Structures are given as structure tokens and as C-alpha cells.
Protein backbone atom coordinates (compact mmCIF):
# COMPACT_ATOMS: atom_id res chain seq x y z
CA MET A 1 105.07 -45.85 -38.20
CA THR A 2 104.02 -45.05 -41.83
CA PHE A 3 100.97 -47.02 -43.25
CA PRO A 4 99.92 -48.20 -46.85
CA GLN A 5 98.27 -45.22 -48.51
CA GLY A 6 94.58 -47.39 -48.78
CA LEU A 7 94.93 -47.85 -44.88
CA THR A 8 96.01 -44.24 -44.51
CA THR A 9 92.66 -43.21 -46.25
CA LEU A 10 90.70 -45.60 -44.06
CA HIS A 11 91.59 -44.38 -41.27
CA ARG A 12 91.26 -40.99 -42.18
CA TRP A 13 87.17 -41.73 -42.79
CA ALA A 14 86.97 -44.00 -40.01
CA ARG A 15 87.99 -40.72 -37.71
CA LEU A 16 85.34 -38.69 -39.61
CA HIS A 17 82.54 -40.77 -39.50
CA LYS A 18 83.58 -41.53 -35.68
CA ARG A 19 83.20 -37.44 -34.89
CA HIS A 20 79.59 -37.12 -37.35
CA LEU A 21 78.12 -40.66 -35.31
CA SER A 22 79.16 -38.81 -31.54
CA GLY A 23 77.01 -35.80 -32.51
CA ILE A 24 74.21 -38.06 -33.66
CA ILE A 25 74.11 -40.05 -30.81
CA GLY A 26 74.56 -36.45 -28.91
CA GLY A 27 71.74 -35.51 -30.35
CA LEU A 28 69.67 -38.51 -29.87
CA LEU A 29 70.70 -38.69 -25.92
CA CYS A 30 69.28 -34.98 -25.66
CA ILE A 31 65.71 -35.75 -26.93
CA PRO A 32 64.21 -38.11 -24.02
CA LEU A 33 65.14 -34.79 -21.81
CA VAL A 34 63.62 -32.32 -24.29
CA SER A 35 60.84 -34.13 -24.46
CA CYS A 36 60.10 -34.80 -20.68
CA ARG A 37 59.94 -30.91 -20.33
CA ALA A 38 56.49 -29.60 -20.58
CA THR A 39 56.64 -26.36 -22.37
CA PRO A 40 54.62 -23.57 -20.33
CA THR A 41 51.38 -22.37 -22.61
CA ALA A 42 48.87 -19.32 -21.65
CA PRO A 43 45.77 -20.24 -20.12
CA VAL A 44 42.84 -19.88 -22.36
CA ALA A 45 40.32 -17.56 -21.65
CA SER A 46 37.89 -19.72 -21.63
CA ASP A 47 39.61 -21.55 -18.77
CA ILE A 48 39.79 -18.68 -16.00
CA PRO A 49 37.07 -18.65 -13.80
CA ALA A 50 35.10 -15.51 -13.85
CA PRO A 51 35.10 -13.57 -10.31
CA SER A 52 31.78 -14.28 -8.37
CA ALA A 53 30.92 -10.93 -6.33
CA ALA A 54 30.91 -10.85 -2.68
CA PRO A 55 28.16 -12.36 -1.41
CA SER A 56 24.99 -10.11 0.62
CA PRO A 57 23.23 -11.38 3.68
CA ASN A 58 20.20 -13.02 1.33
CA GLY A 59 22.68 -14.55 -1.02
CA SER A 60 21.72 -11.64 -3.72
CA PRO A 61 24.62 -9.34 -5.00
CA ASN A 62 23.73 -5.83 -4.35
CA SER A 63 20.55 -6.03 -2.38
CA ILE A 64 18.69 -5.07 0.84
CA ALA A 65 18.47 -7.60 3.28
CA PRO A 66 14.99 -7.78 4.03
CA GLY A 67 14.18 -6.14 7.84
CA ASN A 68 17.58 -3.74 6.95
CA ALA A 69 15.24 -0.95 4.74
CA PRO A 70 15.18 2.41 6.41
CA PRO A 71 12.12 2.66 8.76
CA PRO A 72 9.54 5.44 7.74
CA PRO A 73 9.74 8.71 9.49
CA PRO A 74 7.70 9.25 12.23
CA PRO A 75 4.92 11.68 12.06
CA ASN A 76 5.79 14.40 13.61
CA SER A 77 9.13 14.57 11.63
CA TYR A 78 7.18 15.92 8.54
CA LEU A 79 7.49 19.56 7.97
CA ALA A 80 4.82 21.13 10.50
CA GLN A 81 3.94 17.79 11.20
CA LEU A 82 1.44 17.57 8.29
CA PRO A 83 1.35 14.20 7.48
CA PRO A 84 0.69 13.51 3.54
CA GLU A 85 -2.70 13.63 3.51
CA ALA A 86 -2.84 16.01 5.48
CA THR A 87 -0.98 17.92 2.63
CA ASN A 88 -2.63 16.45 -0.13
CA LEU A 89 -5.54 17.44 1.64
CA LEU A 90 -4.23 21.87 1.74
CA VAL A 91 -3.03 21.36 -1.50
CA SER A 92 -6.45 20.50 -2.65
CA LEU A 93 -7.37 24.19 -2.71
CA ASN A 94 -4.66 25.47 -5.32
CA ILE A 95 -3.77 28.23 -2.36
CA ALA A 96 -0.66 29.75 -0.73
CA ILE A 97 -0.44 27.52 2.15
CA ALA A 98 0.86 29.03 5.47
CA ILE A 99 2.45 26.72 7.97
CA PRO A 100 4.64 27.79 11.30
CA THR A 101 7.84 26.83 10.76
CA TYR A 102 8.43 26.85 14.81
CA LEU A 103 7.02 24.84 17.25
CA PRO A 104 6.79 25.09 21.11
CA PRO A 105 8.15 21.33 22.67
CA ALA A 106 6.38 18.50 22.35
CA MET A 107 3.98 20.49 20.56
CA THR A 108 1.93 18.50 17.77
CA LEU A 109 -0.06 18.32 15.22
CA ALA A 110 -3.79 17.24 16.76
CA ASN A 111 -6.38 18.36 14.15
CA TYR A 112 -7.23 19.35 11.19
CA GLY A 113 -9.51 20.72 8.17
CA ALA A 114 -10.33 22.36 5.24
CA GLY A 115 -12.68 23.18 2.51
CA ASP A 116 -14.15 25.84 0.27
CA ALA A 117 -17.37 26.13 1.52
CA ALA A 118 -19.96 28.71 3.42
CA GLU A 119 -17.97 26.95 6.79
CA GLY A 120 -14.92 29.93 6.13
CA VAL A 121 -15.35 33.08 7.62
CA GLY A 122 -16.81 34.63 5.22
CA GLY A 123 -17.55 31.97 2.98
CA GLY A 124 -14.81 30.40 0.37
CA ALA A 125 -11.66 28.40 0.57
CA TYR A 126 -10.47 27.86 4.03
CA TYR A 127 -8.27 25.78 6.21
CA TRP A 128 -7.09 25.15 9.91
CA LEU A 129 -4.37 23.89 11.38
CA VAL A 130 -4.37 22.56 15.86
CA TYR A 131 -1.49 22.19 17.68
CA ARG A 132 -1.85 20.92 20.97
CA ASP A 133 0.73 19.63 23.82
CA ASN A 134 0.33 17.10 26.76
CA ASN A 135 -0.66 19.60 29.01
CA ASP A 136 -3.29 20.61 26.73
CA ARG A 137 -1.72 24.13 25.49
CA CYS A 138 -3.14 24.66 22.21
CA PHE A 139 -3.21 27.38 19.24
CA ALA A 140 -4.26 26.86 15.78
CA ILE A 141 -3.50 28.26 12.64
CA GLU A 142 -6.15 29.87 10.33
CA TYR A 143 -6.74 30.86 6.77
CA ALA A 144 -10.11 32.42 5.55
CA ALA A 145 -10.59 33.44 1.55
CA ASN A 146 -12.49 36.59 2.99
CA GLY A 147 -14.60 37.90 5.15
CA ILE A 148 -12.57 38.65 7.94
CA GLU A 149 -13.36 40.45 11.63
CA THR A 150 -11.08 42.61 13.98
CA MET A 151 -11.11 42.32 17.55
CA SER A 152 -8.62 43.54 20.27
CA LEU A 153 -7.87 42.23 23.39
CA GLU A 154 -6.55 44.66 26.42
CA ASN A 155 -2.21 44.08 25.94
CA GLN A 156 -0.90 43.85 22.28
CA ASP A 157 2.67 43.31 21.32
CA PRO A 158 3.72 43.85 17.76
CA LEU A 159 4.71 41.43 15.11
CA ASN A 160 7.78 41.23 12.48
CA SER A 161 6.74 38.73 10.31
CA GLY A 162 9.75 37.71 7.43
CA LEU A 163 6.79 36.29 5.67
CA PHE A 164 3.75 39.28 6.16
CA GLY A 165 5.93 42.19 7.43
CA GLU A 166 5.33 44.85 9.61
CA GLY A 167 2.65 46.37 11.00
CA TYR A 168 0.60 43.16 12.83
CA THR A 169 0.02 42.67 16.46
CA LEU A 170 -0.68 39.70 19.23
CA TYR A 171 -3.18 40.58 20.86
CA HIS A 172 -3.58 39.14 24.87
CA GLY A 173 -5.24 39.45 27.72
CA ASN A 174 -8.92 39.96 28.49
CA PHE A 175 -11.30 41.61 25.87
CA PRO A 176 -11.94 45.69 26.49
CA ASN A 177 -15.39 45.30 26.83
CA GLY A 178 -14.92 42.58 29.79
CA GLY A 179 -16.22 40.07 27.41
CA ASP A 180 -20.05 41.15 26.53
CA GLY A 181 -20.76 39.57 23.74
CA GLU A 182 -17.55 38.18 22.96
CA LEU A 183 -15.45 35.06 24.89
CA PRO A 184 -15.27 36.11 28.23
CA GLU A 185 -12.48 34.26 28.99
CA SER A 186 -8.42 36.04 28.74
CA ASP A 187 -7.32 34.74 25.07
CA LEU A 188 -4.65 35.57 22.67
CA PHE A 189 -4.81 35.99 19.06
CA THR A 190 -3.10 37.89 15.77
CA ASP A 191 -4.33 40.92 13.78
CA TRP A 192 -5.25 38.48 10.25
CA PHE A 193 -2.14 38.54 8.01
CA ASP A 194 -2.52 40.25 4.63
CA GLY A 195 -1.00 37.07 2.43
CA GLU A 196 -1.04 36.18 -1.39
CA ASP A 197 -4.28 34.79 -1.62
CA GLY A 198 -6.33 35.01 1.32
CA PHE A 199 -5.27 36.18 5.23
CA TYR A 200 -3.96 33.79 7.55
CA ARG A 201 -3.73 34.39 11.99
CA LEU A 202 -3.17 32.59 15.13
CA VAL A 203 -5.26 32.05 17.53
CA GLY A 204 -5.14 31.12 20.65
CA ALA A 205 -7.34 28.64 23.31
CA GLY A 206 -10.24 30.34 23.72
CA LEU A 207 -11.13 30.54 19.79
CA ILE A 208 -10.31 26.37 20.13
CA ASN A 209 -12.56 25.77 22.49
CA GLY A 210 -16.02 27.88 21.27
CA GLN A 211 -15.42 26.08 17.60
CA ASP A 212 -15.95 23.29 15.91
CA TYR A 213 -12.41 21.83 15.94
CA GLY A 214 -12.55 19.01 17.38
CA GLN A 215 -10.70 20.28 20.69
CA GLY A 216 -11.37 21.03 24.31
CA ASP A 217 -10.22 22.10 27.67
CA CYS A 218 -6.85 24.06 25.93
CA SER A 219 -5.02 26.58 27.80
CA ASN A 220 -3.29 29.03 25.95
CA ILE A 221 0.66 28.46 25.36
CA THR A 222 3.15 31.62 26.93
CA ILE A 223 3.03 35.14 25.04
CA LYS A 224 6.60 34.47 24.05
CA GLU A 225 5.67 30.74 22.02
CA ALA A 226 3.24 32.49 20.72
CA ILE A 227 5.08 35.22 18.84
CA ALA A 228 7.84 33.16 17.70
CA VAL A 229 4.89 30.94 16.07
CA ALA A 230 3.37 33.87 14.17
CA GLU A 231 6.60 35.08 12.83
CA SER A 232 7.93 31.79 11.85
CA LEU A 233 4.70 31.52 9.63
CA SER A 234 5.79 30.43 5.91
CA TYR A 235 4.37 29.45 3.04
CA LEU A 236 4.25 24.99 2.72
CA PRO A 237 7.11 25.21 -0.62
CA THR A 238 6.27 24.77 -3.83
CA ASP A 239 8.01 21.57 -4.32
CA ILE A 240 5.49 19.64 -2.26
CA ARG A 241 2.32 20.90 -3.33
């Protein structure tokens, strides 16, 4: 079937614009579908909550809760069982302080003294440390700046000191003259060790009971223990002094 030329042109125009309108309508139908779908966006930094520290027992991060602090050390845990006040007193003498680094079991520091006066043997600086156990066994470490005296007892054992070397002796038993003019009871003590700033020795119960050391009714430690204590003498570390 043929159409007049004018109708044919109109027909072509209608088909062309029908396709164009279909495209426009299709596009319009997509608009609500696109606008209804939310586009994901990156969160703003200020909107992100900062991480919080785990709460401590008292509510403050990185702090020690009351009652959880370590307790102070017991008195007998200090070097040679010297409490800080005793160490400070010894340090004030400005000398090398010899202390025992071995103590028999249950032996504790019972008393101490130090000074720089005529009370020292022969005058000058002095100190003493008295140790005692729960069976009233005692020994003392003595220091004298000068003026030492030599004594002897009936029995002798050699000492090999890591600090003072060899050639020293532990004396024990009775005095050779039976105590005439000296202590009558059996005792023990060492030679005076010739040290860096003076002289040091270990003495037993007889000399402790006979001196103003605030201790009485002491008995001696064993000979083996006395040797171990005497040979353990060492200077107080310089980082403490």
C-alpha cells in the first residue's frame, strides 16, 4: 500500500519522535529509582569516637590502685640487716665500713653504735655491730681507727679472708693465764684485720657482755660459724655509702 508523500513524511516523523519520547520517558522512570538509593559516604573523622582505655580498679587508667603498692622490705632484708638509719650513721664516719655478708640462721642486728671520740679503742673513729639470735647467742663486729691491742686464747684457727687476705687467726677457749686480769670465761675473737681505713675484728660473747653494747647474758656462736662470719667480711658497697 502506498501513501501520499505528505503522509509518508508525517509517518516517518511520528516513528522518529516515538523512539525519542521512549528514551525520555525511560530516563524519567529511572530518576526515582536512583534517588531512593542512598550513596554510601566515608565517615567524617570527628564522628568516630576515640578508643577509651580499659578502666583500672580505681577508675583511672595506668594507675596503681590503693592497697596494691608493694609493701616495704622487712627489716632483716637489708644488707647485713642494717636499717637505713644505721647505714647513714656508719656512712657519716667517712671510712670503709666492713660488714658481715654471712650470718648464722636466725641472727639479727640487736644493737649498733658509731662515733668519733675517745670512746673508740685508742681514740678516733669507731663503730660496732652486735648480732643476736633467739637463743641469746651473740657476736659483734668492731672497728677502731688506731690503738689496737693484741690478745690470745688457748686455741687458734687460721683465717683466709677474701677482703684482708691470709695470716690472721680466730682465737677461742680460755685465756692462757687462766683469766688473771682478763675475762675468766671461755671466749672467741679474731685478730684485728688491717683494713683500708683502720682495723676490724669479730668478738664473741665474753667481750660483748663486758662492754657497754646494750647486750647481756650472751653465749658464743660455734667456731665454724665464727670462721664463716669473719671470712665473709666485706666493705659496704660504695653506691650505698
